[in-house]
Amino acid sequence: MARVFAILANAFPLWVLLGAVAALINPPLFTWFLPYIIPGLAIIMLGMGITLDFDDFKDALKLPKAALAGIAAQFIVMPCLGWAIAHLLSLPSPFAVGLILVACCPGGTASNVVTYIAKANVALSVLMTMCSTLAAVALTPILTKVLAGHYVEVHAMDMFLNMIKIVILPVFSGLLLHRLFPSSLKYVVPVAPLIAVVAITLICAAIIGANADAVLHSGMRLLLAVFLLHCCAFALGYAVARALGFPVDIRRTIAIEVGMQNSGLGTGLARLNFSSEPLTTVPCAISATFHSIIGSFLAGIWRLRDTPSKRPS
């Protein structure tokens, strides 16, 4: 059964894509989930927490340079890319804010799945996701205010408090559950990734369904902006890791971690902090679809090659 759960979870790009297409065709199929986006996001974060242990934090001492390089790229490369692309393509304010917001978010749990498929360093991926998520509590509000404050007023403190509610409390609740009830959770951990995939699919599809007309009429500019954001992020993440002399498995891991954002978190933050501009959620929802497809495509190519220890690439 655990193998079946893993196979279904590994196919998450397919579920996200199918959900997005179905939401555009028949929005009511998914818009019912709109009131449950924040609880759904909390479930995803709780699921991340129960798969970790406090001892995992000690791993930071084993790969400090790689972890720091990945996290630095996450919060330097991506935010700058989001800001530059929004300006280059002259996106309307709501779309520009949404693009910058998702670019300022930490890596998502989906990156861990893609790292596994790519035969990269899963332990490092989990570590970077965990550390970037914690760092994002402060960095995401600050970076969003600095880069998107030109478009709309950004209340960094409100966003910071929301990050604590959405990220810190669920993740640490999961960590505590893992520590206190390890034997009971052994039945839950195998299905946690699949639950996260279902929640992400429902969140993205609900947002796209609620804004179907805007998505359909936004033309190629918004789609191009999100596509460029993630393509450039994967490429630059790999280039930075290569320039620093890391082996191929770590290059792949950093590229995936930088290229795949926690779009669900971006959607939740946009909904909570920019409620007067509901279109800010749209780039976040589209982002989940694009980075899942691009990441899985790269993972498939890398997996078909020789293992990193045999062929540098």
C-alpha atoms as a PDB file:
ATOM      1  CA  MET A   1       0.000   0.000   0.000  1.00  0.00           C
ATOM      2  CA  ALA A   2       2.863   2.372   0.847  1.00  0.00           C
ATOM      3  CA  ARG A   3       4.234   1.800  -2.667  1.00  0.00           C
ATOM      4  CA  VAL A   4       0.873   2.745  -4.183  1.00  0.00           C
ATOM      5  CA  PHE A   5       0.796   5.950  -2.116  1.00  0.00           C
ATOM      6  CA  ALA A   6       4.328   6.782  -3.279  1.00  0.00           C
ATOM      7  CA  ILE A   7       3.467   6.221  -6.955  1.00  0.00           C
ATOM      8  CA  LEU A   8       0.376   8.415  -6.694  1.00  0.00           C
ATOM      9  CA  ALA A   9       2.352  11.137  -4.879  1.00  0.00           C
ATOM     10  CA  ASN A  10       5.155  11.038  -7.463  1.00  0.00           C
ATOM     11  CA  ALA A  11       2.581  11.789 -10.166  1.00  0.00           C
ATOM     12  CA  PHE A  12       1.716  15.113  -8.516  1.00  0.00           C
ATOM     13  CA  PRO A  13       2.485  17.243 -11.640  1.00  0.00           C
ATOM     14  CA  LEU A  14      -0.190  15.277 -13.498  1.00  0.00           C
ATOM     15  CA  TRP A  15      -2.772  15.873 -10.752  1.00  0.00           C
ATOM     16  CA  VAL A  16      -1.978  19.591 -10.569  1.00  0.00           C
ATOM     17  CA  LEU A  17      -2.170  19.971 -14.338  1.00  0.00           C
ATOM     18  CA  LEU A  18      -5.417  18.007 -14.598  1.00  0.00           C
ATOM     19  CA  GLY A  19      -6.894  20.012 -11.726  1.00  0.00           C
ATOM     20  CA  ALA A  20      -5.951  23.312 -13.371  1.00  0.00           C
ATOM     21  CA  VAL A  21      -7.447  22.317 -16.727  1.00  0.00           C
ATOM     22  CA  ALA A  22     -10.620  20.983 -15.108  1.00  0.00           C
ATOM     23  CA  ALA A  23     -10.959  24.185 -13.057  1.00  0.00           C
ATOM     24  CA  LEU A  24     -10.785  26.301 -16.212  1.00  0.00           C
ATOM     25  CA  ILE A  25     -13.430  24.166 -17.909  1.00  0.00           C
ATOM     26  CA  ASN A  26     -15.764  23.814 -14.930  1.00  0.00           C
ATOM     27  CA  PRO A  27     -14.800  26.141 -12.039  1.00  0.00           C
ATOM     28  CA  PRO A  28     -17.493  24.917  -9.569  1.00  0.00           C
ATOM     29  CA  LEU A  29     -15.743  21.543  -9.445  1.00  0.00           C
ATOM     30  CA  PHE A  30     -13.099  23.165  -7.243  1.00  0.00           C
ATOM     31  CA  THR A  31     -14.248  26.595  -6.078  1.00  0.00           C
ATOM     32  CA  TRP A  32     -16.061  24.933  -3.150  1.00  0.00           C
ATOM     33  CA  PHE A  33     -12.592  24.482  -1.632  1.00  0.00           C
ATOM     34  CA  LEU A  34     -11.874  28.227  -1.406  1.00  0.00           C
ATOM     35  CA  PRO A  35     -12.904  28.550   2.284  1.00  0.00           C
ATOM     36  CA  TYR A  36     -10.590  25.652   3.147  1.00  0.00           C
ATOM     37  CA  ILE A  37      -7.375  26.947   1.544  1.00  0.00           C
ATOM     38  CA  ILE A  38      -5.752  28.060   4.805  1.00  0.00           C
ATOM     39  CA  PRO A  39      -6.675  24.848   6.715  1.00  0.00           C
ATOM     40  CA  GLY A  40      -5.472  22.857   3.706  1.00  0.00           C
ATOM     41  CA  LEU A  41      -2.154  24.678   3.788  1.00  0.00           C
ATOM     42  CA  ALA A  42      -1.848  23.975   7.519  1.00  0.00           C
ATOM     43  CA  ILE A  43      -2.393  20.271   6.809  1.00  0.00           C
ATOM     44  CA  ILE A  44       0.443  20.345   4.255  1.00  0.00           C
ATOM     45  CA  MET A  45       2.776  21.953   6.795  1.00  0.00           C
ATOM     46  CA  LEU A  46       1.680  19.538   9.510  1.00  0.00           C
ATOM     47  CA  GLY A  47       2.420  16.675   7.120  1.00  0.00           C
ATOM     48  CA  MET A  48       5.914  18.073   6.561  1.00  0.00           C
ATOM     49  CA  GLY A  49       6.408  18.251  10.321  1.00  0.00           C
ATOM     50  CA  ILE A  50       5.457  14.645  11.072  1.00  0.00           C
ATOM     51  CA  THR A  51       7.959  13.365   8.490  1.00  0.00           C
ATOM     52  CA  LEU A  52      10.793  15.184  10.317  1.00  0.00           C
ATOM     53  CA  ASP A  53      12.471  14.830  13.672  1.00  0.00           C
ATOM     54  CA  PHE A  54      14.309  17.320  15.842  1.00  0.00           C
ATOM     55  CA  ASP A  55      17.459  15.309  15.118  1.00  0.00           C
ATOM     56  CA  ASP A  56      17.123  16.293  11.449  1.00  0.00           C
ATOM     57  CA  PHE A  57      18.264  19.791  12.390  1.00  0.00           C
ATOM     58  CA  LYS A  58      21.646  18.294  13.255  1.00  0.00           C
ATOM     59  CA  ASP A  59      22.114  17.433   9.582  1.00  0.00           C
ATOM     60  CA  ALA A  60      22.734  21.119   8.940  1.00  0.00           C
ATOM     61  CA  LEU A  61      26.193  20.603  10.445  1.00  0.00           C
ATOM     62  CA  LYS A  62      27.012  17.893   7.896  1.00  0.00           C
ATOM     63  CA  LEU A  63      26.353  19.895   4.703  1.00  0.00           C
ATOM     64  CA  PRO A  64      26.512  23.506   5.885  1.00  0.00           C
ATOM     65  CA  LYS A  65      27.976  25.008   2.703  1.00  0.00           C
ATOM     66  CA  ALA A  66      25.511  23.304   0.360  1.00  0.00           C
ATOM     67  CA  ALA A  67      22.528  24.104   2.578  1.00  0.00           C
ATOM     68  CA  LEU A  68      23.537  27.747   2.990  1.00  0.00           C
ATOM     69  CA  ALA A  69      24.221  28.116  -0.737  1.00  0.00           C
ATOM     70  CA  GLY A  70      20.794  26.712  -1.599  1.00  0.00           C
ATOM     71  CA  ILE A  71      18.957  28.864   0.923  1.00  0.00           C
ATOM     72  CA  ALA A  72      20.889  31.987  -0.145  1.00  0.00           C
ATOM     73  CA  ALA A  73      20.015  31.331  -3.783  1.00  0.00           C
ATOM     74  CA  GLN A  74      16.400  30.718  -2.747  1.00  0.00           C
ATOM     75  CA  PHE A  75      16.075  34.174  -1.209  1.00  0.00           C
ATOM     76  CA  ILE A  76      18.340  36.108  -3.590  1.00  0.00           C
ATOM     77  CA  VAL A  77      17.954  34.573  -7.060  1.00  0.00           C
ATOM     78  CA  MET A  78      14.189  33.985  -6.978  1.00  0.00           C
ATOM     79  CA  PRO A  79      13.037  37.346  -5.534  1.00  0.00           C
ATOM     80  CA  CYS A  80      15.288  39.249  -7.953  1.00  0.00           C
ATOM     81  CA  LEU A  81      13.981  37.176 -10.853  1.00  0.00           C
ATOM     82  CA  GLY A  82      10.368  37.790  -9.838  1.00  0.00           C
ATOM     83  CA  TRP A  83      10.925  41.541  -9.600  1.00  0.00           C
ATOM     84  CA  ALA A  84      12.865  41.711 -12.885  1.00  0.00           C
ATOM     85  CA  ILE A  85      10.345  39.664 -14.890  1.00  0.00           C
ATOM     86  CA  ALA A  86       7.377  41.603 -13.490  1.00  0.00           C
ATOM     87  CA  HIS A  87       9.027  44.848 -14.632  1.00  0.00           C
ATOM     88  CA  LEU A  88      10.320  43.482 -17.938  1.00  0.00           C
ATOM     89  CA  LEU A  89       6.878  42.268 -18.995  1.00  0.00           C
ATOM     90  CA  SER A  90       5.039  45.237 -17.417  1.00  0.00           C
ATOM     91  CA  LEU A  91       2.587  42.994 -15.600  1.00  0.00           C
ATOM     92  CA  PRO A  92      -0.546  44.593 -14.140  1.00  0.00           C
ATOM     93  CA  SER A  93      -0.120  45.322 -10.428  1.00  0.00           C
ATOM     94  CA  PRO A  94      -2.057  42.321  -9.011  1.00  0.00           C
ATOM     95  CA  PHE A  95      -0.153  39.869 -11.208  1.00  0.00           C
ATOM     96  CA  ALA A  96       3.181  41.580 -10.483  1.00  0.00           C
ATOM     97  CA  VAL A  97       2.586  41.393  -6.727  1.00  0.00           C
ATOM     98  CA  GLY A  98       1.548  37.735  -6.974  1.00  0.00           C
ATOM     99  CA  LEU A  99       4.621  36.856  -9.039  1.00  0.00           C
ATOM    100  CA  ILE A 100       6.967  38.639  -6.629  1.00  0.00           C
ATOM    101  CA  LEU A 101       5.239  37.082  -3.616  1.00  0.00           C
ATOM    102  CA  VAL A 102       5.616  33.521  -4.876  1.00  0.00           C
ATOM    103  CA  ALA A 103       9.235  34.277  -5.806  1.00  0.00           C
ATOM    104  CA  CYS A 104       9.846  35.300  -2.183  1.00  0.00           C
ATOM    105  CA  CYS A 105       8.388  32.080  -0.789  1.00  0.00           C
ATOM    106  CA  PRO A 106      10.515  29.167   0.456  1.00  0.00           C
ATOM    107  CA  GLY A 107      10.948  25.844  -1.279  1.00  0.00           C
ATOM    108  CA  GLY A 108       7.927  23.555  -1.304  1.00  0.00           C
ATOM    109  CA  THR A 109       7.577  19.978  -0.124  1.00  0.00           C
ATOM    110  CA  ALA A 110       7.079  18.904  -3.753  1.00  0.00           C
ATOM    111  CA  SER A 111      10.784  19.612  -4.301  1.00  0.00           C
ATOM    112  CA  ASN A 112      11.618  16.691  -2.028  1.00  0.00           C
ATOM    113  CA  VAL A 113       9.617  14.320  -4.238  1.00  0.00           C
ATOM    114  CA  VAL A 114      11.223  15.653  -7.423  1.00  0.00           C
ATOM    115  CA  THR A 115      14.695  15.397  -5.842  1.00  0.00           C
ATOM    116  CA  TYR A 116      14.030  11.740  -5.117  1.00  0.00           C
ATOM    117  CA  ILE A 117      12.932  11.099  -8.701  1.00  0.00           C
ATOM    118  CA  ALA A 118      16.019  12.927 -10.013  1.00  0.00           C
ATOM    119  CA  LYS A 119      18.359  10.680  -7.995  1.00  0.00           C
ATOM    120  CA  ALA A 120      19.696  13.738  -6.204  1.00  0.00           C
ATOM    121  CA  ASN A 121      20.355  14.337  -2.483  1.00  0.00           C
ATOM    122  CA  VAL A 122      16.999  13.893  -0.732  1.00  0.00           C
ATOM    123  CA  ALA A 123      18.380  14.531   2.769  1.00  0.00           C
ATOM    124  CA  LEU A 124      19.802  17.872   1.623  1.00  0.00           C
ATOM    125  CA  SER A 125      16.522  18.743  -0.103  1.00  0.00           C
ATOM    126  CA  VAL A 126      14.503  18.077   3.052  1.00  0.00           C
ATOM    127  CA  LEU A 127      17.015  20.076   5.084  1.00  0.00           C
ATOM    128  CA  MET A 128      16.872  23.068   2.723  1.00  0.00           C
ATOM    129  CA  THR A 129      13.079  22.967   2.556  1.00  0.00           C
ATOM    130  CA  MET A 130      12.900  22.909   6.341  1.00  0.00           C
ATOM    131  CA  CYS A 131      15.468  25.693   6.850  1.00  0.00           C
ATOM    132  CA  SER A 132      14.124  27.921   4.056  1.00  0.00           C
ATOM    133  CA  THR A 133      10.594  27.506   5.435  1.00  0.00           C
ATOM    134  CA  LEU A 134      11.730  28.679   8.857  1.00  0.00           C
ATOM    135  CA  ALA A 135      13.799  31.530   7.371  1.00  0.00           C
ATOM    136  CA  ALA A 136      10.814  32.577   5.248  1.00  0.00           C
ATOM    137  CA  VAL A 137       8.864  33.539   8.352  1.00  0.00           C
ATOM    138  CA  ALA A 138      10.973  36.714   8.453  1.00  0.00           C
ATOM    139  CA  LEU A 139      12.411  36.933   4.927  1.00  0.00           C
ATOM    140  CA  THR A 140       9.222  36.515   2.864  1.00  0.00           C
ATOM    141  CA  PRO A 141       7.420  39.509   4.441  1.00  0.00           C
ATOM    142  CA  ILE A 142      10.554  41.696   4.259  1.00  0.00           C
ATOM    143  CA  LEU A 143      11.421  40.816   0.658  1.00  0.00           C
ATOM    144  CA  THR A 144       7.812  41.183  -0.479  1.00  0.00           C
ATOM    145  CA  LYS A 145       7.575  44.614   1.116  1.00  0.00           C
ATOM    146  CA  VAL A 146      10.853  45.762  -0.467  1.00  0.00           C
ATOM    147  CA  LEU A 147      10.168  44.399  -3.950  1.00  0.00           C
ATOM    148  CA  ALA A 148       6.371  44.704  -4.223  1.00  0.00           C
ATOM    149  CA  GLY A 149       5.816  47.803  -2.088  1.00  0.00           C
ATOM    150  CA  HIS A 150       5.954  49.873  -5.264  1.00  0.00           C
ATOM    151  CA  TYR A 151       2.722  48.235  -6.469  1.00  0.00           C
ATOM    152  CA  VAL A 152       0.611  48.001  -3.326  1.00  0.00           C
ATOM    153  CA  GLU A 153       0.979  48.637   0.380  1.00  0.00           C
ATOM    154  CA  VAL A 154       2.548  45.598   2.021  1.00  0.00           C
ATOM    155  CA  HIS A 155       1.981  45.084   5.755  1.00  0.00           C
ATOM    156  CA  ALA A 156       5.089  43.092   6.621  1.00  0.00           C
ATOM    157  CA  MET A 157       4.148  42.553  10.271  1.00  0.00           C
ATOM    158  CA  ASP A 158       0.740  41.125   9.370  1.00  0.00           C
ATOM    159  CA  MET A 159       2.407  38.814   6.876  1.00  0.00           C
ATOM    160  CA  PHE A 160       4.956  37.800   9.510  1.00  0.00           C
ATOM    161  CA  LEU A 161       2.185  36.873  11.960  1.00  0.00           C
ATOM    162  CA  ASN A 162       0.378  34.930   9.250  1.00  0.00           C
ATOM    163  CA  MET A 163       3.593  33.037   8.485  1.00  0.00           C
ATOM    164  CA  ILE A 164       3.785  31.973  12.129  1.00  0.00           C
ATOM    165  CA  LYS A 165       0.191  30.707  12.013  1.00  0.00           C
ATOM    166  CA  ILE A 166       0.501  28.957   8.654  1.00  0.00           C
ATOM    167  CA  VAL A 167       4.059  27.626   8.882  1.00  0.00           C
ATOM    168  CA  ILE A 168       5.649  27.595  12.322  1.00  0.00           C
ATOM    169  CA  LEU A 169       2.743  26.270  14.410  1.00  0.00           C
ATOM    170  CA  PRO A 170       1.793  23.374  12.074  1.00  0.00           C
ATOM    171  CA  VAL A 171       5.412  22.329  11.377  1.00  0.00           C
ATOM    172  CA  PHE A 172       6.402  22.290  15.034  1.00  0.00           C
ATOM    173  CA  SER A 173       3.142  20.565  15.953  1.00  0.00           C
ATOM    174  CA  GLY A 174       4.127  17.844  13.485  1.00  0.00           C
ATOM    175  CA  LEU A 175       7.620  17.652  14.974  1.00  0.00           C
ATOM    176  CA  LEU A 176       6.165  17.228  18.460  1.00  0.00           C
ATOM    177  CA  LEU A 177       3.759  14.543  17.284  1.00  0.00           C
ATOM    178  CA  HIS A 178       6.655  12.723  15.628  1.00  0.00           C
ATOM    179  CA  ARG A 179       8.659  12.847  18.844  1.00  0.00           C
ATOM    180  CA  LEU A 180       5.793  11.901  21.189  1.00  0.00           C
ATOM    181  CA  PHE A 181       3.967   9.276  19.095  1.00  0.00           C
ATOM    182  CA  PRO A 182       6.522   7.761  16.662  1.00  0.00           C
ATOM    183  CA  SER A 183       4.978   4.286  16.669  1.00  0.00           C
ATOM    184  CA  SER A 184       1.481   5.569  15.899  1.00  0.00           C
ATOM    185  CA  LEU A 185       2.667   7.892  13.146  1.00  0.00           C
ATOM    186  CA  LYS A 186       4.439   5.131  11.238  1.00  0.00           C
ATOM    187  CA  TYR A 187       1.058   4.402   9.640  1.00  0.00           C
ATOM    188  CA  VAL A 188       0.489   8.058   8.759  1.00  0.00           C
ATOM    189  CA  VAL A 189       3.916   9.039   7.377  1.00  0.00           C
ATOM    190  CA  PRO A 190       3.657   6.955   4.147  1.00  0.00           C
ATOM    191  CA  VAL A 191       0.401   8.658   3.162  1.00  0.00           C
ATOM    192  CA  ALA A 192       1.450  12.200   4.209  1.00  0.00           C
ATOM    193  CA  PRO A 193       3.014  13.117   0.827  1.00  0.00           C
ATOM    194  CA  LEU A 194      -0.123  12.003  -1.031  1.00  0.00           C
ATOM    195  CA  ILE A 195      -2.330  14.067   1.289  1.00  0.00           C
ATOM    196  CA  ALA A 196      -0.078  17.059   0.592  1.00  0.00           C
ATOM    197  CA  VAL A 197      -0.395  16.493  -3.163  1.00  0.00           C
ATOM    198  CA  VAL A 198      -4.200  16.334  -2.930  1.00  0.00           C
ATOM    199  CA  ALA A 199      -4.279  19.513  -0.843  1.00  0.00           C
ATOM    200  CA  ILE A 200      -1.958  21.382  -3.240  1.00  0.00           C
ATOM    201  CA  THR A 201      -4.044  20.271  -6.225  1.00  0.00           C
ATOM    202  CA  LEU A 202      -7.283  21.425  -4.596  1.00  0.00           C
ATOM    203  CA  ILE A 203      -5.769  24.770  -3.531  1.00  0.00           C
ATOM    204  CA  CYS A 204      -4.381  25.565  -6.991  1.00  0.00           C
ATOM    205  CA  ALA A 205      -7.489  24.373  -8.820  1.00  0.00           C
ATOM    206  CA  ALA A 206      -9.764  26.385  -6.504  1.00  0.00           C
ATOM    207  CA  ILE A 207      -7.785  29.577  -7.142  1.00  0.00           C
ATOM    208  CA  ILE A 208      -7.673  29.014 -10.904  1.00  0.00           C
ATOM    209  CA  GLY A 209     -11.368  28.162 -10.973  1.00  0.00           C
ATOM    210  CA  ALA A 210     -12.286  31.293  -9.005  1.00  0.00           C
ATOM    211  CA  ASN A 211     -10.265  33.415 -11.446  1.00  0.00           C
ATOM    212  CA  ALA A 212     -10.872  31.410 -14.618  1.00  0.00           C
ATOM    213  CA  ASP A 213     -11.888  34.435 -16.677  1.00  0.00           C
ATOM    214  CA  ALA A 214      -8.793  36.375 -15.616  1.00  0.00           C
ATOM    215  CA  VAL A 215      -6.536  33.418 -16.419  1.00  0.00           C
ATOM    216  CA  LEU A 216      -8.119  32.864 -19.815  1.00  0.00           C
ATOM    217  CA  HIS A 217      -7.981  36.549 -20.721  1.00  0.00           C
ATOM    218  CA  SER A 218      -4.569  37.342 -19.277  1.00  0.00           C
ATOM    219  CA  GLY A 219      -3.015  36.121 -22.495  1.00  0.00           C
ATOM    220  CA  MET A 220       0.479  34.837 -22.892  1.00  0.00           C
ATOM    221  CA  ARG A 221       2.079  37.573 -20.811  1.00  0.00           C
ATOM    222  CA  LEU A 222       1.193  36.151 -17.388  1.00  0.00           C
ATOM    223  CA  LEU A 223       1.877  32.568 -18.466  1.00  0.00           C
ATOM    224  CA  LEU A 224       5.208  33.634 -19.967  1.00  0.00           C
ATOM    225  CA  ALA A 225       6.140  35.489 -16.777  1.00  0.00           C
ATOM    226  CA  VAL A 226       5.573  32.462 -14.540  1.00  0.00           C
ATOM    227  CA  PHE A 227       7.242  30.122 -17.036  1.00  0.00           C
ATOM    228  CA  LEU A 228      10.325  32.359 -17.264  1.00  0.00           C
ATOM    229  CA  LEU A 229      10.490  32.690 -13.480  1.00  0.00           C
ATOM    230  CA  HIS A 230      10.813  28.970 -12.931  1.00  0.00           C
ATOM    231  CA  CYS A 231      12.949  28.128 -15.977  1.00  0.00           C
ATOM    232  CA  CYS A 232      15.487  30.787 -14.995  1.00  0.00           C
ATOM    233  CA  ALA A 233      15.372  29.695 -11.342  1.00  0.00           C
ATOM    234  CA  PHE A 234      16.196  26.069 -12.164  1.00  0.00           C
ATOM    235  CA  ALA A 235      19.004  27.147 -14.514  1.00  0.00           C
ATOM    236  CA  LEU A 236      20.525  29.713 -12.144  1.00  0.00           C
ATOM    237  CA  GLY A 237      20.232  27.394  -9.147  1.00  0.00           C
ATOM    238  CA  TYR A 238      22.218  24.753 -11.021  1.00  0.00           C
ATOM    239  CA  ALA A 239      24.726  27.337 -12.283  1.00  0.00           C
ATOM    240  CA  VAL A 240      25.354  28.732  -8.797  1.00  0.00           C
ATOM    241  CA  ALA A 241      25.913  25.240  -7.378  1.00  0.00           C
ATOM    242  CA  ARG A 242      28.237  24.374 -10.252  1.00  0.00           C
ATOM    243  CA  ALA A 243      30.218  27.599  -9.843  1.00  0.00           C
ATOM    244  CA  LEU A 244      30.705  26.735  -6.165  1.00  0.00           C
ATOM    245  CA  GLY A 245      32.169  23.375  -7.127  1.00  0.00           C
ATOM    246  CA  PHE A 246      29.489  21.092  -5.689  1.00  0.00           C
ATOM    247  CA  PRO A 247      29.117  17.541  -7.069  1.00  0.00           C
ATOM    248  CA  VAL A 248      26.327  16.792  -9.532  1.00  0.00           C
ATOM    249  CA  ASP A 249      23.822  15.366  -7.055  1.00  0.00           C
ATOM    250  CA  ILE A 250      24.023  18.544  -4.965  1.00  0.00           C
ATOM    251  CA  ARG A 251      23.789  20.745  -8.093  1.00  0.00           C
ATOM    252  CA  ARG A 252      20.571  18.994  -9.024  1.00  0.00           C
ATOM    253  CA  THR A 253      19.222  19.297  -5.499  1.00  0.00           C
ATOM    254  CA  ILE A 254      19.906  23.037  -5.275  1.00  0.00           C
ATOM    255  CA  ALA A 255      18.469  23.621  -8.764  1.00  0.00           C
ATOM    256  CA  ILE A 256      15.241  21.840  -7.796  1.00  0.00           C
ATOM    257  CA  GLU A 257      15.001  23.577  -4.435  1.00  0.00           C
ATOM    258  CA  VAL A 258      15.490  27.037  -5.965  1.00  0.00           C
ATOM    259  CA  GLY A 259      13.176  26.345  -8.899  1.00  0.00           C
ATOM    260  CA  MET A 260      10.230  24.939  -6.938  1.00  0.00           C
ATOM    261  CA  GLN A 261       8.482  27.329  -4.579  1.00  0.00           C
ATOM    262  CA  ASN A 262       5.833  26.725  -1.957  1.00  0.00           C
ATOM    263  CA  SER A 263       3.113  28.076  -4.236  1.00  0.00           C
ATOM    264  CA  GLY A 264       0.420  26.944  -1.834  1.00  0.00           C
ATOM    265  CA  LEU A 265       1.929  29.168   0.830  1.00  0.00           C
ATOM    266  CA  GLY A 266       2.070  32.031  -1.669  1.00  0.00           C
ATOM    267  CA  THR A 267      -1.593  31.503  -2.449  1.00  0.00           C
ATOM    268  CA  GLY A 268      -2.514  31.520   1.228  1.00  0.00           C
ATOM    269  CA  LEU A 269      -0.489  34.663   1.940  1.00  0.00           C
ATOM    270  CA  ALA A 270      -1.956  36.450  -1.081  1.00  0.00           C
ATOM    271  CA  ARG A 271      -5.442  35.566   0.065  1.00  0.00           C
ATOM    272  CA  LEU A 272      -4.829  36.749   3.615  1.00  0.00           C
ATOM    273  CA  ASN A 273      -2.738  39.846   2.947  1.00  0.00           C
ATOM    274  CA  PHE A 274      -4.055  41.148  -0.392  1.00  0.00           C
ATOM    275  CA  SER A 275      -7.753  40.392  -0.107  1.00  0.00           C
ATOM    276  CA  SER A 276      -8.612  43.640  -1.877  1.00  0.00           C
ATOM    277  CA  GLU A 277      -6.666  42.365  -4.916  1.00  0.00           C
ATOM    278  CA  PRO A 278      -7.872  38.761  -5.405  1.00  0.00           C
ATOM    279  CA  LEU A 279      -5.954  38.427  -8.679  1.00  0.00           C
ATOM    280  CA  THR A 280      -2.681  38.320  -6.724  1.00  0.00           C
ATOM    281  CA  THR A 281      -3.445  34.652  -6.046  1.00  0.00           C
ATOM    282  CA  VAL A 282      -3.473  33.740  -9.750  1.00  0.00           C
ATOM    283  CA  PRO A 283       0.316  33.759 -10.419  1.00  0.00           C
ATOM    284  CA  CYS A 284       0.776  31.597  -7.317  1.00  0.00           C
ATOM    285  CA  ALA A 285      -1.686  28.988  -8.581  1.00  0.00           C
ATOM    286  CA  ILE A 286      -0.162  28.982 -12.076  1.00  0.00           C
ATOM    287  CA  SER A 287       3.276  28.730 -10.485  1.00  0.00           C
ATOM    288  CA  ALA A 288       2.380  25.422  -8.843  1.00  0.00           C
ATOM    289  CA  THR A 289       1.479  23.952 -12.230  1.00  0.00           C
ATOM    290  CA  PHE A 290       4.551  25.217 -14.072  1.00  0.00           C
ATOM    291  CA  HIS A 291       7.209  24.379 -11.500  1.00  0.00           C
ATOM    292  CA  SER A 292       5.749  20.906 -11.050  1.00  0.00           C
ATOM    293  CA  ILE A 293       5.886  20.201 -14.775  1.00  0.00           C
ATOM    294  CA  ILE A 294       9.354  21.711 -15.315  1.00  0.00           C
ATOM    295  CA  GLY A 295      10.782  20.034 -12.221  1.00  0.00           C
ATOM    296  CA  SER A 296       9.384  16.639 -13.155  1.00  0.00           C
ATOM    297  CA  PHE A 297      10.640  17.008 -16.731  1.00  0.00           C
ATOM    298  CA  LEU A 298      14.176  17.720 -15.478  1.00  0.00           C
ATOM    299  CA  ALA A 299      13.965  14.917 -12.928  1.00  0.00           C
ATOM    300  CA  GLY A 300      12.946  12.495 -15.664  1.00  0.00           C
ATOM    301  CA  ILE A 301      15.894  13.505 -17.854  1.00  0.00           C
ATOM    302  CA  TRP A 302      18.363  13.246 -14.957  1.00  0.00           C
ATOM    303  CA  ARG A 303      16.940   9.910 -13.840  1.00  0.00           C
ATOM    304  CA  LEU A 304      17.396   8.431 -17.318  1.00  0.00           C
ATOM    305  CA  ARG A 305      21.080   9.367 -17.274  1.00  0.00           C
ATOM    306  CA  ASP A 306      23.779   7.502 -15.401  1.00  0.00           C
ATOM    307  CA  THR A 307      23.860   8.104 -11.651  1.00  0.00           C
ATOM    308  CA  PRO A 308      25.621  11.328 -10.620  1.00  0.00           C
ATOM    309  CA  SER A 309      28.633   9.413  -9.317  1.00  0.00           C
ATOM    310  CA  LYS A 310      29.240   7.950 -12.771  1.00  0.00           C
ATOM    311  CA  ARG A 311      28.617  10.923 -15.055  1.00  0.00           C
ATOM    312  CA  PRO A 312      29.102  14.583 -14.367  1.00  0.00           C
ATOM    313  CA  SER A 313      26.462  16.679 -16.121  1.00  0.00           C
END
